[in-house]
Amino acid sequence: MAVKNPQEPFTRIDVKEAQEMMARDDIAVIDVREPHEYNAGHVPGAKLIPVGTVYARREELPRDRDVIFLCAVGQRSALACEMAAAAGLTRLFNLEGGTDAWIKAGLPVDK
């Protein structure tokens, strides 16, 4: 179930919610892991922007749709959400459990 903590500029979502959101055309999925992690397997359609480059690459983040950030377990993606919020984005979501939870749920990955 989506959780919006008032102290955080993003909403925490689980794998099921992420999957439902990704079924729409108006969503961006950003994987903030390192290239070797991304290349080992990533959520289909996810764009790689490593967490250390999110703020520098903020112009690549869409402002006109929801953005789901994900990493391996959800920590780096939460940080990426904070950076995106600092860049002025507001429609931010963090996939709790990250790619690990996605894979454990039996969902497909691209390599």
C-alpha atoms as a PDB file:
ATOM      1  CA  MET A   1       0.000   0.000   0.000  1.00  0.00           C
ATOM      2  CA  ALA A   2       1.332   3.430  -0.942  1.00  0.00           C
ATOM      3  CA  VAL A   3       2.749   5.331   2.014  1.00  0.00           C
ATOM      4  CA  LYS A   4       3.272   9.093   2.025  1.00  0.00           C
ATOM      5  CA  ASN A   5       5.354  10.196   4.995  1.00  0.00           C
ATOM      6  CA  PRO A   6       4.912  13.963   5.507  1.00  0.00           C
ATOM      7  CA  GLN A   7       8.662  14.317   6.113  1.00  0.00           C
ATOM      8  CA  GLU A   8       9.499  12.805   2.702  1.00  0.00           C
ATOM      9  CA  PRO A   9       8.968  14.411  -0.717  1.00  0.00           C
ATOM     10  CA  PHE A  10       8.004  11.056  -2.251  1.00  0.00           C
ATOM     11  CA  THR A  11       5.543   8.207  -1.870  1.00  0.00           C
ATOM     12  CA  ARG A  12       6.725   4.711  -0.997  1.00  0.00           C
ATOM     13  CA  ILE A  13       5.156   2.006  -3.181  1.00  0.00           C
ATOM     14  CA  ASP A  14       5.412  -1.771  -3.303  1.00  0.00           C
ATOM     15  CA  VAL A  15       6.046  -3.990  -6.316  1.00  0.00           C
ATOM     16  CA  LYS A  16       2.346  -4.515  -7.057  1.00  0.00           C
ATOM     17  CA  GLU A  17       1.680  -0.772  -7.064  1.00  0.00           C
ATOM     18  CA  ALA A  18       4.736  -0.144  -9.235  1.00  0.00           C
ATOM     19  CA  GLN A  19       3.598  -2.778 -11.709  1.00  0.00           C
ATOM     20  CA  GLU A  20       0.132  -1.199 -11.896  1.00  0.00           C
ATOM     21  CA  MET A  21       1.640   2.262 -12.451  1.00  0.00           C
ATOM     22  CA  MET A  22       4.023   0.931 -15.122  1.00  0.00           C
ATOM     23  CA  ALA A  23       1.063  -0.410 -17.085  1.00  0.00           C
ATOM     24  CA  ARG A  24       0.217   3.220 -17.902  1.00  0.00           C
ATOM     25  CA  ASP A  25       1.993   5.189 -20.615  1.00  0.00           C
ATOM     26  CA  ASP A  26       2.552   8.290 -18.497  1.00  0.00           C
ATOM     27  CA  ILE A  27       5.229   6.937 -16.175  1.00  0.00           C
ATOM     28  CA  ALA A  28       9.026   7.123 -16.062  1.00  0.00           C
ATOM     29  CA  VAL A  29      11.080   4.439 -14.332  1.00  0.00           C
ATOM     30  CA  ILE A  30      14.596   5.384 -13.262  1.00  0.00           C
ATOM     31  CA  ASP A  31      17.094   2.773 -12.039  1.00  0.00           C
ATOM     32  CA  VAL A  32      19.742   4.469  -9.887  1.00  0.00           C
ATOM     33  CA  ARG A  33      22.070   1.496  -9.431  1.00  0.00           C
ATOM     34  CA  GLU A  34      25.537   1.281 -10.963  1.00  0.00           C
ATOM     35  CA  PRO A  35      25.914   0.181 -14.622  1.00  0.00           C
ATOM     36  CA  HIS A  36      27.181  -3.319 -13.730  1.00  0.00           C
ATOM     37  CA  GLU A  37      24.126  -3.885 -11.508  1.00  0.00           C
ATOM     38  CA  TYR A  38      21.769  -2.578 -14.197  1.00  0.00           C
ATOM     39  CA  ASN A  39      23.384  -4.766 -16.863  1.00  0.00           C
ATOM     40  CA  ALA A  40      22.964  -7.859 -14.660  1.00  0.00           C
ATOM     41  CA  GLY A  41      19.177  -7.387 -14.797  1.00  0.00           C
ATOM     42  CA  HIS A  42      16.768  -4.474 -14.591  1.00  0.00           C
ATOM     43  CA  VAL A  43      13.070  -3.720 -14.620  1.00  0.00           C
ATOM     44  CA  PRO A  44      11.895  -3.562 -18.251  1.00  0.00           C
ATOM     45  CA  GLY A  45      11.818   0.008 -19.538  1.00  0.00           C
ATOM     46  CA  ALA A  46      13.899   1.428 -16.691  1.00  0.00           C
ATOM     47  CA  LYS A  47      16.386   4.142 -17.634  1.00  0.00           C
ATOM     48  CA  LEU A  48      19.789   4.024 -15.946  1.00  0.00           C
ATOM     49  CA  ILE A  49      20.800   7.180 -14.081  1.00  0.00           C
ATOM     50  CA  PRO A  50      23.216   6.181 -11.273  1.00  0.00           C
ATOM     51  CA  VAL A  51      22.360   7.819  -7.948  1.00  0.00           C
ATOM     52  CA  GLY A  52      25.564   9.869  -7.903  1.00  0.00           C
ATOM     53  CA  THR A  53      24.509  11.577 -11.146  1.00  0.00           C
ATOM     54  CA  VAL A  54      20.790  12.163 -10.525  1.00  0.00           C
ATOM     55  CA  TYR A  55      21.047  15.823  -9.566  1.00  0.00           C
ATOM     56  CA  ALA A  56      23.564  16.609 -12.324  1.00  0.00           C
ATOM     57  CA  ARG A  57      21.248  14.920 -14.847  1.00  0.00           C
ATOM     58  CA  ARG A  58      18.042  16.451 -13.435  1.00  0.00           C
ATOM     59  CA  GLU A  59      17.085  17.874 -16.833  1.00  0.00           C
ATOM     60  CA  GLU A  60      16.595  14.274 -18.036  1.00  0.00           C
ATOM     61  CA  LEU A  61      13.874  13.695 -15.429  1.00  0.00           C
ATOM     62  CA  PRO A  62      10.350  14.288 -16.753  1.00  0.00           C
ATOM     63  CA  ARG A  63       8.341  16.910 -14.908  1.00  0.00           C
ATOM     64  CA  ASP A  64       5.063  16.084 -16.645  1.00  0.00           C
ATOM     65  CA  ARG A  65       4.527  12.564 -15.320  1.00  0.00           C
ATOM     66  CA  ASP A  66       5.026  10.280 -12.338  1.00  0.00           C
ATOM     67  CA  VAL A  67       8.603   9.103 -11.763  1.00  0.00           C
ATOM     68  CA  ILE A  68       9.400   5.822 -10.019  1.00  0.00           C
ATOM     69  CA  PHE A  69      12.947   5.507  -8.709  1.00  0.00           C
ATOM     70  CA  LEU A  70      14.365   2.097  -7.881  1.00  0.00           C
ATOM     71  CA  CYS A  71      17.669   0.557  -6.864  1.00  0.00           C
ATOM     72  CA  ALA A  72      18.583  -2.801  -5.337  1.00  0.00           C
ATOM     73  CA  VAL A  73      16.567  -2.526  -2.096  1.00  0.00           C
ATOM     74  CA  GLY A  74      15.170   1.018  -1.874  1.00  0.00           C
ATOM     75  CA  GLN A  75      17.807   3.091  -0.068  1.00  0.00           C
ATOM     76  CA  ARG A  76      19.629   4.704  -2.992  1.00  0.00           C
ATOM     77  CA  SER A  77      16.328   5.310  -4.762  1.00  0.00           C
ATOM     78  CA  ALA A  78      14.992   7.164  -1.693  1.00  0.00           C
ATOM     79  CA  LEU A  79      18.074   9.400  -1.890  1.00  0.00           C
ATOM     80  CA  ALA A  80      17.439   9.896  -5.625  1.00  0.00           C
ATOM     81  CA  CYS A  81      13.862  10.951  -4.823  1.00  0.00           C
ATOM     82  CA  GLU A  82      15.248  13.565  -2.417  1.00  0.00           C
ATOM     83  CA  MET A  83      17.577  14.878  -5.146  1.00  0.00           C
ATOM     84  CA  ALA A  84      14.743  15.019  -7.672  1.00  0.00           C
ATOM     85  CA  ALA A  85      12.616  16.914  -5.157  1.00  0.00           C
ATOM     86  CA  ALA A  86      15.482  19.373  -4.651  1.00  0.00           C
ATOM     87  CA  ALA A  87      15.415  19.872  -8.443  1.00  0.00           C
ATOM     88  CA  GLY A  88      11.726  20.800  -8.229  1.00  0.00           C
ATOM     89  CA  LEU A  89      10.005  17.524  -9.173  1.00  0.00           C
ATOM     90  CA  THR A  90       6.905  16.587  -7.207  1.00  0.00           C
ATOM     91  CA  ARG A  91       5.447  13.370  -8.680  1.00  0.00           C
ATOM     92  CA  LEU A  92       7.999  11.056  -7.057  1.00  0.00           C
ATOM     93  CA  PHE A  93       7.709   7.419  -6.014  1.00  0.00           C
ATOM     94  CA  ASN A  94      10.210   5.062  -4.389  1.00  0.00           C
ATOM     95  CA  LEU A  95       9.946   1.315  -5.034  1.00  0.00           C
ATOM     96  CA  GLU A  96      10.350  -0.269  -1.608  1.00  0.00           C
ATOM     97  CA  GLY A  97      12.491  -3.395  -1.810  1.00  0.00           C
ATOM     98  CA  GLY A  98      13.797  -2.311  -5.208  1.00  0.00           C
ATOM     99  CA  THR A  99      14.894  -4.686  -7.914  1.00  0.00           C
ATOM    100  CA  ASP A 100      15.358  -7.448  -5.335  1.00  0.00           C
ATOM    101  CA  ALA A 101      11.638  -7.316  -4.448  1.00  0.00           C
ATOM    102  CA  TRP A 102      10.733  -7.138  -8.152  1.00  0.00           C
ATOM    103  CA  ILE A 103      12.696 -10.330  -8.878  1.00  0.00           C
ATOM    104  CA  LYS A 104      11.382 -12.099  -5.751  1.00  0.00           C
ATOM    105  CA  ALA A 105       7.847 -11.349  -6.978  1.00  0.00           C
ATOM    106  CA  GLY A 106       8.678 -13.328 -10.130  1.00  0.00           C
ATOM    107  CA  LEU A 107       8.401 -10.322 -12.421  1.00  0.00           C
ATOM    108  CA  PRO A 108      10.453 -10.067 -15.628  1.00  0.00           C
ATOM    109  CA  VAL A 109      13.841  -8.401 -15.934  1.00  0.00           C
ATOM    110  CA  ASP A 110      15.762  -7.284 -19.002  1.00  0.00           C
ATOM    111  CA  LYS A 111      19.484  -7.864 -19.416  1.00  0.00           C
END
